[in-house]
Amino acid sequence: MANAQELLHPGATAASSSSTMVAATELRPWGSFTVLEDAKGYKIKRIEVKPGHRLSLQMHHHRSEHWIVVCGTARVVCGDQELMLTSNQSTYVPQCTNHRLENPGVIPLILIEVQNGEYLGEDDIVRFQDDYARAK
């Protein structure tokens, strides 16, 4: 009988079996995220931000992030830059850089986030400002 990884990735070799396929969605005040794949050195998430909401102004000591907008409009603060992204546009957030993601639109913002780094835990977040009183 095939396991879930074999069903999702037929013909996968033992070398690729070090990644974990995860599909648990975690709810947040601003929306939700789903971890699609988690492996040594990288993690892939689907992030959904509700209209009019934003994530905290934050930074990570141990990872960088690539964001690809799938649907909706993203207002991104990265360091001292602010930019607007729409479907099929992307940006890079370097490690140790203050950043924020916001949905200024009227439809859900959906993006794919690819994290790279030696440590990818959810506790590698330093919050500087947060609309939901989570800043430390």
C-alpha atoms as a PDB file:
ATOM      1  CA  MET A   1       0.000   0.000   0.000  1.00  0.00           C
ATOM      2  CA  ALA A   2       1.362   3.434  -0.970  1.00  0.00           C
ATOM      3  CA  ASN A   3       1.973   6.137   1.625  1.00  0.00           C
ATOM      4  CA  ALA A   4       0.785   9.732   1.197  1.00  0.00           C
ATOM      5  CA  GLN A   5       4.132  10.935  -0.180  1.00  0.00           C
ATOM      6  CA  GLU A   6       4.118   8.223  -2.869  1.00  0.00           C
ATOM      7  CA  LEU A   7       0.564   9.132  -3.864  1.00  0.00           C
ATOM      8  CA  LEU A   8       1.415  12.828  -4.120  1.00  0.00           C
ATOM      9  CA  HIS A   9       4.778  12.232  -5.800  1.00  0.00           C
ATOM     10  CA  PRO A  10       4.743   8.954  -7.748  1.00  0.00           C
ATOM     11  CA  GLY A  11       8.228   7.763  -8.593  1.00  0.00           C
ATOM     12  CA  ALA A  12       9.889   9.872  -5.879  1.00  0.00           C
ATOM     13  CA  THR A  13      13.277   8.537  -4.895  1.00  0.00           C
ATOM     14  CA  ALA A  14      14.640   7.954  -1.403  1.00  0.00           C
ATOM     15  CA  ALA A  15      16.678  11.159  -1.740  1.00  0.00           C
ATOM     16  CA  SER A  16      13.501  13.218  -1.991  1.00  0.00           C
ATOM     17  CA  SER A  17      11.804  11.492   0.929  1.00  0.00           C
ATOM     18  CA  SER A  18      13.533  13.796   3.456  1.00  0.00           C
ATOM     19  CA  SER A  19      10.845  16.428   2.847  1.00  0.00           C
ATOM     20  CA  THR A  20       7.585  16.313   4.709  1.00  0.00           C
ATOM     21  CA  MET A  21       4.331  17.008   2.910  1.00  0.00           C
ATOM     22  CA  VAL A  22       2.052  18.891   5.283  1.00  0.00           C
ATOM     23  CA  ALA A  23      -1.393  20.297   4.652  1.00  0.00           C
ATOM     24  CA  ALA A  24      -2.504  21.566   8.062  1.00  0.00           C
ATOM     25  CA  THR A  25      -3.941  25.087   7.920  1.00  0.00           C
ATOM     26  CA  GLU A  26      -3.245  27.433  10.825  1.00  0.00           C
ATOM     27  CA  LEU A  27      -5.640  30.307  11.436  1.00  0.00           C
ATOM     28  CA  ARG A  28      -4.364  33.769  12.364  1.00  0.00           C
ATOM     29  CA  PRO A  29      -6.219  37.055  13.042  1.00  0.00           C
ATOM     30  CA  TRP A  30      -5.167  38.296   9.581  1.00  0.00           C
ATOM     31  CA  GLY A  31      -6.090  35.099   7.695  1.00  0.00           C
ATOM     32  CA  SER A  32      -4.357  31.716   7.491  1.00  0.00           C
ATOM     33  CA  PHE A  33      -1.379  29.757   6.229  1.00  0.00           C
ATOM     34  CA  THR A  34      -0.910  26.185   5.107  1.00  0.00           C
ATOM     35  CA  VAL A  35       2.481  24.469   5.074  1.00  0.00           C
ATOM     36  CA  LEU A  36       2.693  22.676   1.729  1.00  0.00           C
ATOM     37  CA  GLU A  37       6.180  21.227   2.145  1.00  0.00           C
ATOM     38  CA  ASP A  38       8.777  21.280   4.917  1.00  0.00           C
ATOM     39  CA  ALA A  39      12.324  20.023   4.317  1.00  0.00           C
ATOM     40  CA  LYS A  40      15.861  20.667   5.468  1.00  0.00           C
ATOM     41  CA  GLY A  41      16.719  24.194   4.427  1.00  0.00           C
ATOM     42  CA  TYR A  42      13.345  25.230   2.995  1.00  0.00           C
ATOM     43  CA  LYS A  43       9.611  25.454   3.714  1.00  0.00           C
ATOM     44  CA  ILE A  44       6.780  26.262   1.286  1.00  0.00           C
ATOM     45  CA  LYS A  45       3.567  27.900   2.518  1.00  0.00           C
ATOM     46  CA  ARG A  46       0.285  29.041   1.010  1.00  0.00           C
ATOM     47  CA  ILE A  47      -0.681  32.285   2.769  1.00  0.00           C
ATOM     48  CA  GLU A  48      -4.129  33.887   2.627  1.00  0.00           C
ATOM     49  CA  VAL A  49      -4.620  37.427   3.966  1.00  0.00           C
ATOM     50  CA  LYS A  50      -8.141  38.748   4.508  1.00  0.00           C
ATOM     51  CA  PRO A  51      -9.093  42.018   2.783  1.00  0.00           C
ATOM     52  CA  GLY A  52      -8.023  45.036   4.831  1.00  0.00           C
ATOM     53  CA  HIS A  53      -5.715  43.016   7.094  1.00  0.00           C
ATOM     54  CA  ARG A  54      -1.943  42.877   7.493  1.00  0.00           C
ATOM     55  CA  LEU A  55       0.721  40.829   9.196  1.00  0.00           C
ATOM     56  CA  SER A  56       2.990  42.298  11.841  1.00  0.00           C
ATOM     57  CA  LEU A  57       6.023  44.390  10.977  1.00  0.00           C
ATOM     58  CA  GLN A  58       8.622  41.719  11.657  1.00  0.00           C
ATOM     59  CA  MET A  59      11.976  40.192  10.844  1.00  0.00           C
ATOM     60  CA  HIS A  60      13.611  36.772  11.019  1.00  0.00           C
ATOM     61  CA  HIS A  61      17.155  36.022  12.197  1.00  0.00           C
ATOM     62  CA  HIS A  62      17.489  32.660  10.467  1.00  0.00           C
ATOM     63  CA  ARG A  63      15.604  32.769   7.171  1.00  0.00           C
ATOM     64  CA  SER A  64      14.924  34.691   3.987  1.00  0.00           C
ATOM     65  CA  GLU A  65      11.606  34.561   2.133  1.00  0.00           C
ATOM     66  CA  HIS A  66      10.380  34.713  -1.474  1.00  0.00           C
ATOM     67  CA  TRP A  67       6.748  35.795  -1.950  1.00  0.00           C
ATOM     68  CA  ILE A  68       4.800  35.076  -5.156  1.00  0.00           C
ATOM     69  CA  VAL A  69       1.332  36.604  -5.456  1.00  0.00           C
ATOM     70  CA  VAL A  70      -1.225  34.160  -6.856  1.00  0.00           C
ATOM     71  CA  CYS A  71      -4.413  36.203  -6.423  1.00  0.00           C
ATOM     72  CA  GLY A  72      -5.235  39.689  -5.165  1.00  0.00           C
ATOM     73  CA  THR A  73      -3.029  42.672  -4.364  1.00  0.00           C
ATOM     74  CA  ALA A  74      -0.182  42.815  -1.840  1.00  0.00           C
ATOM     75  CA  ARG A  75       1.269  45.910  -0.237  1.00  0.00           C
ATOM     76  CA  VAL A  76       4.788  44.929   0.843  1.00  0.00           C
ATOM     77  CA  VAL A  77       7.148  46.777   3.136  1.00  0.00           C
ATOM     78  CA  CYS A  78      10.691  45.411   2.887  1.00  0.00           C
ATOM     79  CA  GLY A  79      13.381  47.439   4.639  1.00  0.00           C
ATOM     80  CA  ASP A  80      12.838  51.046   3.562  1.00  0.00           C
ATOM     81  CA  GLN A  81      10.951  50.069   0.373  1.00  0.00           C
ATOM     82  CA  GLU A  82       7.186  49.849  -0.126  1.00  0.00           C
ATOM     83  CA  LEU A  83       5.770  48.182  -3.216  1.00  0.00           C
ATOM     84  CA  MET A  84       2.501  46.881  -4.607  1.00  0.00           C
ATOM     85  CA  LEU A  85       2.365  43.428  -6.160  1.00  0.00           C
ATOM     86  CA  THR A  86      -0.407  41.764  -8.141  1.00  0.00           C
ATOM     87  CA  SER A  87      -0.951  38.283  -9.555  1.00  0.00           C
ATOM     88  CA  ASN A  88       2.211  36.630 -10.955  1.00  0.00           C
ATOM     89  CA  GLN A  89       4.560  39.196  -9.362  1.00  0.00           C
ATOM     90  CA  SER A  90       7.075  38.396  -6.654  1.00  0.00           C
ATOM     91  CA  THR A  91       9.589  39.837  -4.204  1.00  0.00           C
ATOM     92  CA  TYR A  92      12.481  38.696  -2.039  1.00  0.00           C
ATOM     93  CA  VAL A  93      12.788  39.403   1.700  1.00  0.00           C
ATOM     94  CA  PRO A  94      16.404  39.031   2.887  1.00  0.00           C
ATOM     95  CA  GLN A  95      17.223  37.534   6.282  1.00  0.00           C
ATOM     96  CA  CYS A  96      17.301  40.119   9.148  1.00  0.00           C
ATOM     97  CA  THR A  97      15.222  42.646   7.146  1.00  0.00           C
ATOM     98  CA  ASN A  98      12.110  44.309   8.614  1.00  0.00           C
ATOM     99  CA  HIS A  99       9.091  43.445   6.485  1.00  0.00           C
ATOM    100  CA  ARG A 100       5.296  43.466   6.405  1.00  0.00           C
ATOM    101  CA  LEU A 101       2.614  42.020   4.147  1.00  0.00           C
ATOM    102  CA  GLU A 102      -0.769  43.714   3.753  1.00  0.00           C
ATOM    103  CA  ASN A 103      -3.926  43.142   1.717  1.00  0.00           C
ATOM    104  CA  PRO A 104      -5.284  46.572   0.710  1.00  0.00           C
ATOM    105  CA  GLY A 105      -7.815  44.988  -1.658  1.00  0.00           C
ATOM    106  CA  VAL A 106     -11.385  43.738  -1.403  1.00  0.00           C
ATOM    107  CA  ILE A 107     -10.682  40.079  -2.262  1.00  0.00           C
ATOM    108  CA  PRO A 108      -8.452  37.642  -0.363  1.00  0.00           C
ATOM    109  CA  LEU A 109      -4.725  37.924  -1.066  1.00  0.00           C
ATOM    110  CA  ILE A 110      -3.228  34.497  -1.802  1.00  0.00           C
ATOM    111  CA  LEU A 111       0.499  34.020  -2.104  1.00  0.00           C
ATOM    112  CA  ILE A 112       3.102  31.316  -2.030  1.00  0.00           C
ATOM    113  CA  GLU A 113       5.968  31.848   0.392  1.00  0.00           C
ATOM    114  CA  VAL A 114       9.245  29.984   0.024  1.00  0.00           C
ATOM    115  CA  GLN A 115      11.419  30.188   3.131  1.00  0.00           C
ATOM    116  CA  ASN A 116      15.141  29.365   2.995  1.00  0.00           C
ATOM    117  CA  GLY A 117      17.451  29.020   5.965  1.00  0.00           C
ATOM    118  CA  GLU A 118      19.013  26.753   8.552  1.00  0.00           C
ATOM    119  CA  TYR A 119      16.152  27.243  11.045  1.00  0.00           C
ATOM    120  CA  LEU A 120      12.545  27.714   9.890  1.00  0.00           C
ATOM    121  CA  GLY A 121      10.564  27.574  13.154  1.00  0.00           C
ATOM    122  CA  GLU A 122       7.543  29.797  13.716  1.00  0.00           C
ATOM    123  CA  ASP A 123       9.298  31.221  16.797  1.00  0.00           C
ATOM    124  CA  ASP A 124      11.939  32.947  14.611  1.00  0.00           C
ATOM    125  CA  ILE A 125       9.840  36.117  14.488  1.00  0.00           C
ATOM    126  CA  VAL A 126      10.768  39.450  16.028  1.00  0.00           C
ATOM    127  CA  ARG A 127       7.656  41.652  15.914  1.00  0.00           C
ATOM    128  CA  PHE A 128       8.090  45.441  15.908  1.00  0.00           C
ATOM    129  CA  GLN A 129       4.442  46.421  15.405  1.00  0.00           C
ATOM    130  CA  ASP A 130       1.305  44.307  15.358  1.00  0.00           C
ATOM    131  CA  ASP A 131      -2.368  45.176  14.831  1.00  0.00           C
ATOM    132  CA  TYR A 132      -3.357  42.223  17.028  1.00  0.00           C
ATOM    133  CA  ALA A 133      -1.252  43.049  20.137  1.00  0.00           C
ATOM    134  CA  ARG A 134       1.261  40.236  19.527  1.00  0.00           C
ATOM    135  CA  ALA A 135       4.347  42.503  19.411  1.00  0.00           C
ATOM    136  CA  LYS A 136       6.929  41.685  22.085  1.00  0.00           C
END
